[in-house]
Amino acid sequence: MDDIRSVVYVVPLQVHRKRMVYGPKMPTYELVYKISGESVTHFNEKTLHNLPGTVEYLPKCEKADYYVERKELGDCIDIHFDTAQPMPREAFRVDCRGNKRVGELFSRLYHLWIGKQDADYYKCLALFYEILSELSQGEEGYLPGEQERKILPGVTYLQKHAFDRKVDYYQPAKLCNICYTYFKRLFLTKYGMTPIHYVTKLRLERGAELLETGQYSVTEVAELCGYENVYYFSRKFREVYGVPPGQYAKQ
């Protein structure tokens, strides 16, 4: 990575319109950490739903159809950077709501950057590398367009049936007309996890959203997320979010 070129800043979204249009040129790469509020980013053919604790990556490009619809105003930390190293060419979102370290790193980098001390530049760069390391554990990978289209029916199936009591993990491969081993390999390259772990991730993310509403008991949330055993749901939830679902709901 050559450097963090240009700026790192907090965007107070309250002063902006509900719909903001950017581009058409993206001169730098961007990492945007959502502090508060809710928005939907449309970047070329990608749609990214951003909630507090999520990070979106936007690629550098000469032409971009890029606009943001803000459903609930809030704040974010926006890092602009440039590098000679190959970077993903498509926008993606990483859900870091279960990883508080990411938010802490963004906050530390921001406060160092606005201090405008020359000696802090390298500290900012070190924090930036740490952020990339954390995000790499949850980011989607790159697949050539043909291979990505090949597994799309299977991915759609998993997203549609993730909350069923029983998920047939061999059906996605059948829908793609490929063997399960090949589907799993392509899926792992794209999402950085197996189909089983992907379904678990979707279930726990939905569980966290339902708990945040305060309208459901832990047992009801487990059932709505496809779990027959509330204790198993609680154990998996704690592994990811660090606290039991009941405590998460209270917080």
C-alpha atoms as a PDB file:
ATOM      1  CA  MET A   1       0.000   0.000   0.000  1.00  0.00           C
ATOM      2  CA  ASP A   2       1.584   3.280  -1.034  1.00  0.00           C
ATOM      3  CA  ASP A   3      -0.160   5.702   1.275  1.00  0.00           C
ATOM      4  CA  ILE A   4      -3.386   7.113   2.602  1.00  0.00           C
ATOM      5  CA  ARG A   5      -3.572   9.930   0.116  1.00  0.00           C
ATOM      6  CA  SER A   6      -5.975  12.848   0.394  1.00  0.00           C
ATOM      7  CA  VAL A   7      -8.349  12.933   3.358  1.00  0.00           C
ATOM      8  CA  VAL A   8      -9.951  11.139   6.251  1.00  0.00           C
ATOM      9  CA  TYR A   9     -13.038  12.846   7.606  1.00  0.00           C
ATOM     10  CA  VAL A  10     -16.343  12.495   9.416  1.00  0.00           C
ATOM     11  CA  VAL A  11     -19.403  13.335   7.349  1.00  0.00           C
ATOM     12  CA  PRO A  12     -22.239  14.915   9.404  1.00  0.00           C
ATOM     13  CA  LEU A  13     -25.092  13.538   7.328  1.00  0.00           C
ATOM     14  CA  GLN A  14     -27.699  15.742   9.018  1.00  0.00           C
ATOM     15  CA  VAL A  15     -26.600  18.663   6.815  1.00  0.00           C
ATOM     16  CA  HIS A  16     -27.071  16.722   3.583  1.00  0.00           C
ATOM     17  CA  ARG A  17     -30.118  15.919   1.534  1.00  0.00           C
ATOM     18  CA  LYS A  18     -31.917  12.591   1.745  1.00  0.00           C
ATOM     19  CA  ARG A  19     -30.530  11.646  -1.668  1.00  0.00           C
ATOM     20  CA  MET A  20     -26.969  12.489  -2.637  1.00  0.00           C
ATOM     21  CA  VAL A  21     -25.515  11.911  -6.109  1.00  0.00           C
ATOM     22  CA  TYR A  22     -21.732  11.495  -6.480  1.00  0.00           C
ATOM     23  CA  GLY A  23     -19.338  10.750  -9.322  1.00  0.00           C
ATOM     24  CA  PRO A  24     -19.227  10.206 -12.184  1.00  0.00           C
ATOM     25  CA  LYS A  25     -15.487   9.792 -11.526  1.00  0.00           C
ATOM     26  CA  MET A  26     -14.007   8.099  -8.449  1.00  0.00           C
ATOM     27  CA  PRO A  27     -10.401   9.372  -8.179  1.00  0.00           C
ATOM     28  CA  THR A  28      -9.644   7.354  -5.010  1.00  0.00           C
ATOM     29  CA  TYR A  29     -10.777   4.217  -3.205  1.00  0.00           C
ATOM     30  CA  GLU A  30     -13.098   4.643  -0.227  1.00  0.00           C
ATOM     31  CA  LEU A  31     -13.828   2.862   3.021  1.00  0.00           C
ATOM     32  CA  VAL A  32     -16.916   4.195   4.814  1.00  0.00           C
ATOM     33  CA  TYR A  33     -17.642   3.182   8.406  1.00  0.00           C
ATOM     34  CA  LYS A  34     -21.246   3.788   9.467  1.00  0.00           C
ATOM     35  CA  ILE A  35     -21.445   5.325  12.948  1.00  0.00           C
ATOM     36  CA  SER A  36     -25.180   6.017  13.074  1.00  0.00           C
ATOM     37  CA  GLY A  37     -28.227   6.268  10.827  1.00  0.00           C
ATOM     38  CA  GLU A  38     -29.258   4.087   7.900  1.00  0.00           C
ATOM     39  CA  SER A  39     -28.576   4.450   4.177  1.00  0.00           C
ATOM     40  CA  VAL A  40     -28.562   2.549   0.907  1.00  0.00           C
ATOM     41  CA  THR A  41     -25.652   3.048  -1.505  1.00  0.00           C
ATOM     42  CA  HIS A  42     -26.166   2.392  -5.209  1.00  0.00           C
ATOM     43  CA  PHE A  43     -22.836   1.937  -6.964  1.00  0.00           C
ATOM     44  CA  ASN A  44     -23.090   0.781 -10.573  1.00  0.00           C
ATOM     45  CA  GLU A  45     -24.908  -2.565 -10.308  1.00  0.00           C
ATOM     46  CA  LYS A  46     -24.328  -2.987  -6.562  1.00  0.00           C
ATOM     47  CA  THR A  47     -26.796  -2.056  -3.796  1.00  0.00           C
ATOM     48  CA  LEU A  48     -25.339  -1.820  -0.285  1.00  0.00           C
ATOM     49  CA  HIS A  49     -27.564  -1.507   2.796  1.00  0.00           C
ATOM     50  CA  ASN A  50     -25.602   0.334   5.479  1.00  0.00           C
ATOM     51  CA  LEU A  51     -26.392   0.214   9.201  1.00  0.00           C
ATOM     52  CA  PRO A  52     -24.335   1.313  12.232  1.00  0.00           C
ATOM     53  CA  GLY A  53     -21.294  -0.944  12.437  1.00  0.00           C
ATOM     54  CA  THR A  54     -21.063  -1.770   8.726  1.00  0.00           C
ATOM     55  CA  VAL A  55     -18.250  -0.796   6.358  1.00  0.00           C
ATOM     56  CA  GLU A  56     -18.620  -0.277   2.636  1.00  0.00           C
ATOM     57  CA  TYR A  57     -15.795  -0.401   0.116  1.00  0.00           C
ATOM     58  CA  LEU A  58     -16.045   1.655  -3.091  1.00  0.00           C
ATOM     59  CA  PRO A  59     -13.504   1.149  -5.885  1.00  0.00           C
ATOM     60  CA  LYS A  60     -11.554   3.779  -7.762  1.00  0.00           C
ATOM     61  CA  CYS A  61     -12.877   4.096 -11.323  1.00  0.00           C
ATOM     62  CA  GLU A  62     -13.229   6.485 -14.232  1.00  0.00           C
ATOM     63  CA  LYS A  63     -17.003   6.203 -14.486  1.00  0.00           C
ATOM     64  CA  ALA A  64     -19.457   5.393 -11.694  1.00  0.00           C
ATOM     65  CA  ASP A  65     -23.226   5.541 -11.336  1.00  0.00           C
ATOM     66  CA  TYR A  66     -23.067   6.401  -7.640  1.00  0.00           C
ATOM     67  CA  TYR A  67     -25.759   7.788  -5.341  1.00  0.00           C
ATOM     68  CA  VAL A  68     -26.850   7.346  -1.728  1.00  0.00           C
ATOM     69  CA  GLU A  69     -30.385   7.280  -0.334  1.00  0.00           C
ATOM     70  CA  ARG A  70     -30.497   8.111   3.367  1.00  0.00           C
ATOM     71  CA  LYS A  71     -33.340   6.459   5.248  1.00  0.00           C
ATOM     72  CA  GLU A  72     -32.201   7.771   8.639  1.00  0.00           C
ATOM     73  CA  LEU A  73     -29.692  10.601   8.990  1.00  0.00           C
ATOM     74  CA  GLY A  74     -26.512   9.958  10.945  1.00  0.00           C
ATOM     75  CA  ASP A  75     -22.705  10.059  10.808  1.00  0.00           C
ATOM     76  CA  CYS A  76     -19.934   8.082   9.171  1.00  0.00           C
ATOM     77  CA  ILE A  77     -16.156   8.066   8.864  1.00  0.00           C
ATOM     78  CA  ASP A  78     -15.011   8.168   5.250  1.00  0.00           C
ATOM     79  CA  ILE A  79     -11.434   7.170   4.362  1.00  0.00           C
ATOM     80  CA  HIS A  80     -10.139   8.110   0.900  1.00  0.00           C
ATOM     81  CA  PHE A  81      -6.943   6.377  -0.162  1.00  0.00           C
ATOM     82  CA  ASP A  82      -4.952   5.442  -3.213  1.00  0.00           C
ATOM     83  CA  THR A  83      -2.535   2.602  -3.924  1.00  0.00           C
ATOM     84  CA  ALA A  84      -0.645   0.969  -6.756  1.00  0.00           C
ATOM     85  CA  GLN A  85      -1.615  -2.463  -5.443  1.00  0.00           C
ATOM     86  CA  PRO A  86      -4.522  -4.368  -7.100  1.00  0.00           C
ATOM     87  CA  MET A  87      -7.811  -3.721  -5.316  1.00  0.00           C
ATOM     88  CA  PRO A  88     -11.305  -5.220  -5.816  1.00  0.00           C
ATOM     89  CA  ARG A  89     -13.079  -3.662  -8.784  1.00  0.00           C
ATOM     90  CA  GLU A  90     -16.597  -3.975  -7.363  1.00  0.00           C
ATOM     91  CA  ALA A  91     -18.208  -2.316  -4.361  1.00  0.00           C
ATOM     92  CA  PHE A  92     -19.069  -4.470  -1.358  1.00  0.00           C
ATOM     93  CA  ARG A  93     -20.185  -4.200   2.255  1.00  0.00           C
ATOM     94  CA  VAL A  94     -18.702  -5.847   5.354  1.00  0.00           C
ATOM     95  CA  ASP A  95     -20.906  -6.340   8.421  1.00  0.00           C
ATOM     96  CA  CYS A  96     -18.742  -5.493  11.443  1.00  0.00           C
ATOM     97  CA  ARG A  97     -21.508  -5.166  14.019  1.00  0.00           C
ATOM     98  CA  GLY A  98     -20.084  -8.152  15.843  1.00  0.00           C
ATOM     99  CA  ASN A  99     -16.545  -6.738  15.741  1.00  0.00           C
ATOM    100  CA  LYS A 100     -16.205  -3.632  17.925  1.00  0.00           C
ATOM    101  CA  ARG A 101     -12.495  -3.402  17.157  1.00  0.00           C
ATOM    102  CA  VAL A 102     -13.224  -2.134  13.649  1.00  0.00           C
ATOM    103  CA  GLY A 103     -15.128   0.876  14.952  1.00  0.00           C
ATOM    104  CA  GLU A 104     -12.409   1.606  17.509  1.00  0.00           C
ATOM    105  CA  LEU A 105      -9.738   1.548  14.796  1.00  0.00           C
ATOM    106  CA  PHE A 106     -11.700   3.932  12.552  1.00  0.00           C
ATOM    107  CA  SER A 107     -12.236   6.304  15.502  1.00  0.00           C
ATOM    108  CA  ARG A 108      -8.560   6.274  16.523  1.00  0.00           C
ATOM    109  CA  LEU A 109      -7.440   6.903  12.947  1.00  0.00           C
ATOM    110  CA  TYR A 110      -9.854   9.798  12.556  1.00  0.00           C
ATOM    111  CA  HIS A 111      -8.793  11.544  15.755  1.00  0.00           C
ATOM    112  CA  LEU A 112      -5.110  11.165  14.868  1.00  0.00           C
ATOM    113  CA  TRP A 113      -5.705  12.489  11.354  1.00  0.00           C
ATOM    114  CA  ILE A 114      -7.493  15.656  12.398  1.00  0.00           C
ATOM    115  CA  GLY A 115      -4.621  16.423  14.801  1.00  0.00           C
ATOM    116  CA  LYS A 116      -2.516  17.374  11.742  1.00  0.00           C
ATOM    117  CA  GLN A 117       0.759  16.249  13.348  1.00  0.00           C
ATOM    118  CA  ASP A 118       3.388  15.043  10.860  1.00  0.00           C
ATOM    119  CA  ALA A 119       4.575  12.301  13.208  1.00  0.00           C
ATOM    120  CA  ASP A 120       1.040  10.877  13.383  1.00  0.00           C
ATOM    121  CA  TYR A 121       0.924  10.100   9.653  1.00  0.00           C
ATOM    122  CA  TYR A 122       2.682   6.777  10.116  1.00  0.00           C
ATOM    123  CA  LYS A 123       0.469   5.922  13.068  1.00  0.00           C
ATOM    124  CA  CYS A 124      -2.537   6.546  10.814  1.00  0.00           C
ATOM    125  CA  LEU A 125      -1.024   4.310   8.169  1.00  0.00           C
ATOM    126  CA  ALA A 126      -0.488   1.550  10.750  1.00  0.00           C
ATOM    127  CA  LEU A 127      -4.119   1.847  11.882  1.00  0.00           C
ATOM    128  CA  PHE A 128      -5.232   1.736   8.254  1.00  0.00           C
ATOM    129  CA  TYR A 129      -3.386  -1.560   7.758  1.00  0.00           C
ATOM    130  CA  GLU A 130      -5.072  -2.913  10.900  1.00  0.00           C
ATOM    131  CA  ILE A 131      -8.471  -1.932   9.513  1.00  0.00           C
ATOM    132  CA  LEU A 132      -7.744  -3.738   6.248  1.00  0.00           C
ATOM    133  CA  SER A 133      -6.652  -6.805   8.206  1.00  0.00           C
ATOM    134  CA  GLU A 134      -9.882  -6.853  10.202  1.00  0.00           C
ATOM    135  CA  LEU A 135     -12.038  -6.328   7.115  1.00  0.00           C
ATOM    136  CA  SER A 136     -10.268  -9.046   5.152  1.00  0.00           C
ATOM    137  CA  GLN A 137     -11.746 -11.591   7.557  1.00  0.00           C
ATOM    138  CA  GLY A 138     -15.257 -10.732   6.431  1.00  0.00           C
ATOM    139  CA  GLU A 139     -15.050  -9.194   2.972  1.00  0.00           C
ATOM    140  CA  GLU A 140     -16.356 -10.781  -0.177  1.00  0.00           C
ATOM    141  CA  GLY A 141     -13.727 -11.916  -2.658  1.00  0.00           C
ATOM    142  CA  TYR A 142     -13.556 -11.500  -6.385  1.00  0.00           C
ATOM    143  CA  LEU A 143     -14.823 -13.998  -8.928  1.00  0.00           C
ATOM    144  CA  PRO A 144     -14.748 -13.546 -12.715  1.00  0.00           C
ATOM    145  CA  GLY A 145     -18.180 -12.506 -13.977  1.00  0.00           C
ATOM    146  CA  GLU A 146     -18.927 -15.843 -15.616  1.00  0.00           C
ATOM    147  CA  GLN A 147     -18.225 -17.828 -12.439  1.00  0.00           C
ATOM    148  CA  GLU A 148     -20.141 -15.373 -10.276  1.00  0.00           C
ATOM    149  CA  ARG A 149     -23.177 -15.694 -12.555  1.00  0.00           C
ATOM    150  CA  LYS A 150     -22.798 -19.470 -12.462  1.00  0.00           C
ATOM    151  CA  ILE A 151     -23.322 -19.653  -8.670  1.00  0.00           C
ATOM    152  CA  LEU A 152     -25.952 -16.885  -8.527  1.00  0.00           C
ATOM    153  CA  PRO A 153     -28.989 -19.261  -8.526  1.00  0.00           C
ATOM    154  CA  GLY A 154     -27.451 -21.124  -5.594  1.00  0.00           C
ATOM    155  CA  VAL A 155     -26.683 -17.938  -3.669  1.00  0.00           C
ATOM    156  CA  THR A 156     -30.240 -16.729  -4.257  1.00  0.00           C
ATOM    157  CA  TYR A 157     -31.569 -20.046  -2.947  1.00  0.00           C
ATOM    158  CA  LEU A 158     -29.514 -19.760   0.248  1.00  0.00           C
ATOM    159  CA  GLN A 159     -30.652 -16.187   0.837  1.00  0.00           C
ATOM    160  CA  LYS A 160     -34.286 -17.152   0.290  1.00  0.00           C
ATOM    161  CA  HIS A 161     -34.224 -20.261   2.488  1.00  0.00           C
ATOM    162  CA  ALA A 162     -31.673 -19.231   5.128  1.00  0.00           C
ATOM    163  CA  PHE A 163     -34.364 -18.973   7.801  1.00  0.00           C
ATOM    164  CA  ASP A 164     -36.044 -22.291   7.056  1.00  0.00           C
ATOM    165  CA  ARG A 165     -35.815 -24.939   9.778  1.00  0.00           C
ATOM    166  CA  LYS A 166     -34.072 -27.276   7.365  1.00  0.00           C
ATOM    167  CA  VAL A 167     -31.778 -25.986   4.625  1.00  0.00           C
ATOM    168  CA  ASP A 168     -30.775 -28.307   1.799  1.00  0.00           C
ATOM    169  CA  TYR A 169     -27.148 -27.376   1.193  1.00  0.00           C
ATOM    170  CA  TYR A 170     -26.893 -29.573  -1.901  1.00  0.00           C
ATOM    171  CA  GLN A 171     -29.799 -27.875  -3.694  1.00  0.00           C
ATOM    172  CA  PRO A 172     -27.825 -24.717  -4.636  1.00  0.00           C
ATOM    173  CA  ALA A 173     -25.296 -26.794  -6.590  1.00  0.00           C
ATOM    174  CA  LYS A 174     -28.136 -28.618  -8.373  1.00  0.00           C
ATOM    175  CA  LEU A 175     -29.707 -25.298  -9.357  1.00  0.00           C
ATOM    176  CA  CYS A 176     -26.348 -24.225 -10.831  1.00  0.00           C
ATOM    177  CA  ASN A 177     -25.909 -27.533 -12.680  1.00  0.00           C
ATOM    178  CA  ILE A 178     -22.525 -28.142 -11.059  1.00  0.00           C
ATOM    179  CA  CYS A 179     -21.270 -30.545  -8.405  1.00  0.00           C
ATOM    180  CA  TYR A 180     -21.411 -29.537  -4.748  1.00  0.00           C
ATOM    181  CA  THR A 181     -17.616 -29.498  -4.363  1.00  0.00           C
ATOM    182  CA  TYR A 182     -17.187 -27.028  -7.234  1.00  0.00           C
ATOM    183  CA  PHE A 183     -20.058 -24.838  -6.006  1.00  0.00           C
ATOM    184  CA  LYS A 184     -18.556 -24.791  -2.506  1.00  0.00           C
ATOM    185  CA  ARG A 185     -15.127 -23.825  -3.875  1.00  0.00           C
ATOM    186  CA  LEU A 186     -16.516 -20.922  -5.933  1.00  0.00           C
ATOM    187  CA  PHE A 187     -18.715 -19.830  -3.034  1.00  0.00           C
ATOM    188  CA  LEU A 188     -15.742 -19.888  -0.657  1.00  0.00           C
ATOM    189  CA  THR A 189     -13.717 -17.741  -3.059  1.00  0.00           C
ATOM    190  CA  LYS A 190     -16.515 -15.192  -3.371  1.00  0.00           C
ATOM    191  CA  TYR A 191     -17.744 -14.977   0.223  1.00  0.00           C
ATOM    192  CA  GLY A 192     -14.769 -16.198   2.235  1.00  0.00           C
ATOM    193  CA  MET A 193     -16.889 -18.828   3.991  1.00  0.00           C
ATOM    194  CA  THR A 194     -18.757 -22.046   3.291  1.00  0.00           C
ATOM    195  CA  PRO A 195     -22.496 -22.048   2.461  1.00  0.00           C
ATOM    196  CA  ILE A 196     -23.232 -23.345   5.984  1.00  0.00           C
ATOM    197  CA  HIS A 197     -21.304 -20.502   7.619  1.00  0.00           C
ATOM    198  CA  TYR A 198     -22.971 -18.039   5.232  1.00  0.00           C
ATOM    199  CA  VAL A 199     -26.430 -19.156   6.340  1.00  0.00           C
ATOM    200  CA  THR A 200     -25.352 -18.915   9.980  1.00  0.00           C
ATOM    201  CA  LYS A 201     -24.125 -15.365   9.335  1.00  0.00           C
ATOM    202  CA  LEU A 202     -27.465 -14.363   7.756  1.00  0.00           C
ATOM    203  CA  ARG A 203     -29.384 -15.918  10.647  1.00  0.00           C
ATOM    204  CA  LEU A 204     -27.359 -14.181  13.350  1.00  0.00           C
ATOM    205  CA  GLU A 205     -27.503 -10.824  11.575  1.00  0.00           C
ATOM    206  CA  ARG A 206     -31.282 -11.126  11.397  1.00  0.00           C
ATOM    207  CA  GLY A 207     -31.333 -12.215  15.025  1.00  0.00           C
ATOM    208  CA  ALA A 208     -29.415  -9.095  16.058  1.00  0.00           C
ATOM    209  CA  GLU A 209     -31.819  -6.870  14.097  1.00  0.00           C
ATOM    210  CA  LEU A 210     -34.874  -8.516  15.694  1.00  0.00           C
ATOM    211  CA  LEU A 211     -33.391  -8.241  19.191  1.00  0.00           C
ATOM    212  CA  GLU A 212     -32.708  -4.542  18.618  1.00  0.00           C
ATOM    213  CA  THR A 213     -36.438  -3.928  18.098  1.00  0.00           C
ATOM    214  CA  GLY A 214     -37.216  -5.149  21.621  1.00  0.00           C
ATOM    215  CA  GLN A 215     -40.423  -6.766  20.334  1.00  0.00           C
ATOM    216  CA  TYR A 216     -39.411 -10.429  20.561  1.00  0.00           C
ATOM    217  CA  SER A 217     -38.177 -12.829  23.213  1.00  0.00           C
ATOM    218  CA  VAL A 218     -34.950 -14.730  22.634  1.00  0.00           C
ATOM    219  CA  THR A 219     -36.964 -17.900  21.961  1.00  0.00           C
ATOM    220  CA  GLU A 220     -39.105 -16.124  19.365  1.00  0.00           C
ATOM    221  CA  VAL A 221     -36.016 -14.670  17.668  1.00  0.00           C
ATOM    222  CA  ALA A 222     -34.396 -18.102  17.512  1.00  0.00           C
ATOM    223  CA  GLU A 223     -37.507 -19.534  15.844  1.00  0.00           C
ATOM    224  CA  LEU A 224     -37.753 -16.644  13.361  1.00  0.00           C
ATOM    225  CA  CYS A 225     -34.119 -17.214  12.410  1.00  0.00           C
ATOM    226  CA  GLY A 226     -34.658 -20.910  11.714  1.00  0.00           C
ATOM    227  CA  TYR A 227     -33.320 -22.418  14.950  1.00  0.00           C
ATOM    228  CA  GLU A 228     -35.283 -25.148  16.693  1.00  0.00           C
ATOM    229  CA  ASN A 229     -32.962 -25.089  19.701  1.00  0.00           C
ATOM    230  CA  VAL A 230     -32.813 -21.710  21.477  1.00  0.00           C
ATOM    231  CA  TYR A 231     -29.702 -22.772  23.416  1.00  0.00           C
ATOM    232  CA  TYR A 232     -27.808 -23.505  20.212  1.00  0.00           C
ATOM    233  CA  PHE A 233     -28.883 -20.111  18.826  1.00  0.00           C
ATOM    234  CA  SER A 234     -27.695 -18.407  22.027  1.00  0.00           C
ATOM    235  CA  ARG A 235     -24.328 -20.148  21.873  1.00  0.00           C
ATOM    236  CA  LYS A 236     -23.722 -19.198  18.219  1.00  0.00           C
ATOM    237  CA  PHE A 237     -24.898 -15.627  18.874  1.00  0.00           C
ATOM    238  CA  ARG A 238     -22.489 -15.230  21.772  1.00  0.00           C
ATOM    239  CA  GLU A 239     -19.588 -16.551  19.689  1.00  0.00           C
ATOM    240  CA  VAL A 240     -20.120 -13.755  17.156  1.00  0.00           C
ATOM    241  CA  TYR A 241     -21.412 -10.808  19.215  1.00  0.00           C
ATOM    242  CA  GLY A 242     -19.578 -11.500  22.471  1.00  0.00           C
ATOM    243  CA  VAL A 243     -22.681 -11.433  24.687  1.00  0.00           C
ATOM    244  CA  PRO A 244     -25.786 -13.650  25.068  1.00  0.00           C
ATOM    245  CA  PRO A 245     -28.814 -12.528  23.026  1.00  0.00           C
ATOM    246  CA  GLY A 246     -30.730 -11.486  26.132  1.00  0.00           C
ATOM    247  CA  GLN A 247     -27.958  -9.128  27.204  1.00  0.00           C
ATOM    248  CA  TYR A 248     -27.589  -7.840  23.643  1.00  0.00           C
ATOM    249  CA  ALA A 249     -31.293  -6.931  23.598  1.00  0.00           C
ATOM    250  CA  LYS A 250     -30.960  -4.981  26.863  1.00  0.00           C
ATOM    251  CA  GLN A 251     -27.946  -3.058  25.578  1.00  0.00           C
END
